[in-house]
Amino acid sequence: MTEREKQNEVRKSRNLKWDKENMCALSCRVRKYEALIFKEYCAANKTTPYTVLKECVLSCIDEYNKKERSIEK
């Protein structure tokens, strides 16, 4: 194994450790035909299901934070 390959393995190991400590996957189950239609929607909009779902989650968090801040005032 070359030095570069060793460095890549160390980097991958560190990234996996960080992801395990700091990241979480969200998922939901939908009917197969709904998943196919959603994938078609994403393709038609030149995006991916991952991107659409992540943007939705972040938008919901932003909306929630704004609502909570306005209540605190």
N, C-alpha and C. Protein backbone atom coordinates (compact mmCIF):
# COMPACT_ATOMS: atom_id res chain seq x y z
N MET A 1 0.86 -1.18 0.00
CA MET A 1 0.00 0.00 0.00
C MET A 1 0.90 1.24 0.00
N THR A 2 0.61 2.16 -0.90
CA THR A 2 1.42 3.37 -1.00
C THR A 2 1.07 4.33 0.13
N GLU A 3 1.91 5.32 0.30
CA GLU A 3 1.67 6.33 1.34
C GLU A 3 0.36 7.07 1.09
N ARG A 4 0.09 7.36 -0.15
CA ARG A 4 -1.14 8.07 -0.51
C ARG A 4 -2.38 7.23 -0.15
N GLU A 5 -2.31 5.94 -0.44
CA GLU A 5 -3.43 5.05 -0.11
C GLU A 5 -3.64 4.96 1.40
N LYS A 6 -2.53 4.95 2.15
CA LYS A 6 -2.63 4.92 3.62
C LYS A 6 -3.30 6.20 4.12
N GLN A 7 -2.92 7.33 3.56
CA GLN A 7 -3.52 8.60 3.95
C GLN A 7 -5.02 8.63 3.64
N ASN A 8 -5.37 8.08 2.47
CA ASN A 8 -6.79 8.01 2.11
C ASN A 8 -7.57 7.14 3.08
N GLU A 9 -7.00 6.03 3.49
CA GLU A 9 -7.66 5.14 4.44
C GLU A 9 -7.85 5.82 5.79
N VAL A 10 -6.84 6.57 6.24
CA VAL A 10 -6.94 7.30 7.50
C VAL A 10 -8.02 8.36 7.40
N ARG A 11 -8.04 9.06 6.28
CA ARG A 11 -9.06 10.11 6.07
C ARG A 11 -10.45 9.50 6.07
N LYS A 12 -10.63 8.39 5.36
CA LYS A 12 -11.94 7.72 5.33
C LYS A 12 -12.37 7.29 6.73
N SER A 13 -11.43 6.76 7.49
CA SER A 13 -11.72 6.31 8.84
C SER A 13 -12.17 7.48 9.72
N ARG A 14 -11.46 8.60 9.62
CA ARG A 14 -11.83 9.79 10.39
C ARG A 14 -13.19 10.32 9.97
N ASN A 15 -13.45 10.33 8.66
CA ASN A 15 -14.75 10.81 8.17
C ASN A 15 -15.88 9.92 8.66
N LEU A 16 -15.68 8.61 8.64
CA LEU A 16 -16.70 7.69 9.13
C LEU A 16 -16.97 7.90 10.61
N LYS A 17 -15.91 8.11 11.38
CA LYS A 17 -16.07 8.34 12.82
C LYS A 17 -16.84 9.63 13.06
N TRP A 18 -16.48 10.70 12.35
CA TRP A 18 -17.17 11.99 12.50
C TRP A 18 -18.64 11.84 12.12
N ASP A 19 -18.91 11.19 10.98
CA ASP A 19 -20.29 10.99 10.55
C ASP A 19 -21.09 10.22 11.59
N LYS A 20 -20.50 9.20 12.16
CA LYS A 20 -21.20 8.39 13.17
C LYS A 20 -21.57 9.23 14.39
N GLU A 21 -20.69 10.14 14.77
CA GLU A 21 -20.92 10.98 15.96
C GLU A 21 -21.83 12.17 15.68
N ASN A 22 -21.89 12.65 14.43
CA ASN A 22 -22.55 13.92 14.15
C ASN A 22 -23.69 13.89 13.14
N MET A 23 -23.88 12.78 12.46
CA MET A 23 -24.89 12.73 11.40
C MET A 23 -25.94 11.68 11.73
N CYS A 24 -27.12 11.86 11.13
CA CYS A 24 -28.23 10.93 11.33
C CYS A 24 -29.02 10.87 10.02
N ALA A 25 -29.45 9.69 9.64
CA ALA A 25 -30.26 9.53 8.43
C ALA A 25 -31.73 9.57 8.81
N LEU A 26 -32.51 10.30 8.02
CA LEU A 26 -33.96 10.32 8.18
C LEU A 26 -34.55 9.52 7.02
N SER A 27 -35.61 8.82 7.28
CA SER A 27 -36.24 8.07 6.19
C SER A 27 -37.73 7.95 6.42
N CYS A 28 -38.42 7.59 5.37
CA CYS A 28 -39.85 7.31 5.47
C CYS A 28 -40.19 6.27 4.42
N ARG A 29 -41.27 5.59 4.66
CA ARG A 29 -41.71 4.57 3.72
C ARG A 29 -42.90 5.10 2.94
N VAL A 30 -42.84 4.93 1.63
CA VAL A 30 -43.95 5.31 0.76
C VAL A 30 -44.22 4.16 -0.21
N ARG A 31 -45.36 4.20 -0.83
CA ARG A 31 -45.69 3.17 -1.82
C ARG A 31 -44.73 3.29 -3.00
N LYS A 32 -44.47 2.15 -3.65
CA LYS A 32 -43.52 2.12 -4.76
C LYS A 32 -43.89 3.11 -5.86
N TYR A 33 -45.18 3.17 -6.19
CA TYR A 33 -45.57 4.08 -7.27
C TYR A 33 -45.34 5.54 -6.86
N GLU A 34 -45.49 5.85 -5.56
CA GLU A 34 -45.22 7.21 -5.10
C GLU A 34 -43.73 7.53 -5.21
N ALA A 35 -42.90 6.56 -4.87
CA ALA A 35 -41.45 6.75 -4.98
C ALA A 35 -41.05 6.96 -6.44
N LEU A 36 -41.64 6.20 -7.34
CA LEU A 36 -41.33 6.36 -8.76
C LEU A 36 -41.74 7.74 -9.27
N ILE A 37 -42.92 8.16 -8.88
CA ILE A 37 -43.40 9.49 -9.30
C ILE A 37 -42.48 10.58 -8.72
N PHE A 38 -42.08 10.43 -7.46
CA PHE A 38 -41.20 11.41 -6.84
C PHE A 38 -39.86 11.46 -7.56
N LYS A 39 -39.33 10.31 -7.92
CA LYS A 39 -38.06 10.27 -8.67
C LYS A 39 -38.22 10.93 -10.04
N GLU A 40 -39.36 10.71 -10.68
CA GLU A 40 -39.64 11.38 -11.96
C GLU A 40 -39.70 12.89 -11.77
N TYR A 41 -40.38 13.32 -10.70
CA TYR A 41 -40.46 14.75 -10.38
C TYR A 41 -39.06 15.34 -10.23
N CYS A 42 -38.22 14.65 -9.48
CA CYS A 42 -36.85 15.14 -9.25
C CYS A 42 -36.07 15.21 -10.56
N ALA A 43 -36.17 14.17 -11.37
CA ALA A 43 -35.47 14.17 -12.65
C ALA A 43 -35.96 15.30 -13.55
N ALA A 44 -37.27 15.53 -13.56
CA ALA A 44 -37.84 16.60 -14.39
C ALA A 44 -37.35 17.97 -13.93
N ASN A 45 -37.03 18.09 -12.64
CA ASN A 45 -36.54 19.35 -12.09
C ASN A 45 -35.02 19.37 -11.94
N LYS A 46 -34.36 18.41 -12.56
CA LYS A 46 -32.89 18.31 -12.58
C LYS A 46 -32.31 18.39 -11.16
N THR A 47 -32.86 17.57 -10.29
CA THR A 47 -32.38 17.49 -8.92
C THR A 47 -32.43 16.04 -8.48
N THR A 48 -32.16 15.78 -7.24
CA THR A 48 -32.19 14.42 -6.71
C THR A 48 -33.15 14.34 -5.54
N PRO A 49 -33.66 13.15 -5.24
CA PRO A 49 -34.51 13.01 -4.06
C PRO A 49 -33.79 13.47 -2.79
N TYR A 50 -32.52 13.17 -2.67
CA TYR A 50 -31.74 13.60 -1.51
C TYR A 50 -31.81 15.12 -1.35
N THR A 51 -31.56 15.84 -2.42
CA THR A 51 -31.54 17.30 -2.36
C THR A 51 -32.91 17.86 -1.99
N VAL A 52 -33.96 17.34 -2.62
CA VAL A 52 -35.31 17.83 -2.35
C VAL A 52 -35.68 17.58 -0.89
N LEU A 53 -35.42 16.37 -0.40
CA LEU A 53 -35.77 16.05 0.98
C LEU A 53 -34.95 16.86 1.97
N LYS A 54 -33.66 17.02 1.70
CA LYS A 54 -32.82 17.80 2.62
C LYS A 54 -33.29 19.25 2.65
N GLU A 55 -33.60 19.83 1.50
CA GLU A 55 -34.10 21.21 1.47
C GLU A 55 -35.41 21.33 2.24
N CYS A 56 -36.26 20.33 2.14
CA CYS A 56 -37.53 20.34 2.87
C CYS A 56 -37.28 20.31 4.37
N VAL A 57 -36.38 19.45 4.82
CA VAL A 57 -36.06 19.36 6.24
C VAL A 57 -35.50 20.69 6.74
N LEU A 58 -34.56 21.26 6.01
CA LEU A 58 -33.95 22.52 6.43
C LEU A 58 -34.97 23.66 6.41
N SER A 59 -35.88 23.66 5.45
CA SER A 59 -36.93 24.66 5.39
C SER A 59 -37.86 24.54 6.60
N CYS A 60 -38.23 23.32 6.96
CA CYS A 60 -39.09 23.10 8.13
C CYS A 60 -38.39 23.58 9.40
N ILE A 61 -37.10 23.30 9.53
CA ILE A 61 -36.35 23.74 10.71
C ILE A 61 -36.32 25.26 10.77
N ASP A 62 -36.07 25.91 9.62
CA ASP A 62 -36.03 27.37 9.56
C ASP A 62 -37.39 27.96 9.95
N GLU A 63 -38.46 27.40 9.40
CA GLU A 63 -39.81 27.87 9.73
C GLU A 63 -40.10 27.70 11.22
N TYR A 64 -39.73 26.57 11.77
CA TYR A 64 -39.93 26.30 13.19
C TYR A 64 -39.15 27.29 14.06
N ASN A 65 -37.89 27.52 13.69
CA ASN A 65 -37.06 28.47 14.46
C ASN A 65 -37.65 29.87 14.43
N LYS A 66 -38.14 30.31 13.28
CA LYS A 66 -38.74 31.65 13.19
C LYS A 66 -39.98 31.74 14.05
N LYS A 67 -40.79 30.70 14.03
CA LYS A 67 -42.02 30.68 14.82
C LYS A 67 -41.68 30.70 16.31
N GLU A 68 -40.72 29.92 16.72
CA GLU A 68 -40.33 29.86 18.13
C GLU A 68 -39.74 31.19 18.59
N ARG A 69 -38.95 31.83 17.76
CA ARG A 69 -38.34 33.12 18.12
C ARG A 69 -39.42 34.19 18.28
N SER A 70 -40.43 34.17 17.42
CA SER A 70 -41.47 35.19 17.51
C SER A 70 -42.33 34.99 18.77
N ILE A 71 -42.43 33.75 19.23
CA ILE A 71 -43.17 33.47 20.46
C ILE A 71 -42.40 33.98 21.68
N GLU A 72 -41.08 33.84 21.65
CA GLU A 72 -40.24 34.23 22.79
C GLU A 72 -40.24 35.73 23.00
N LYS A 73 -40.46 36.53 21.98
CA LYS A 73 -40.36 38.00 22.09
C LYS A 73 -41.49 38.56 22.89
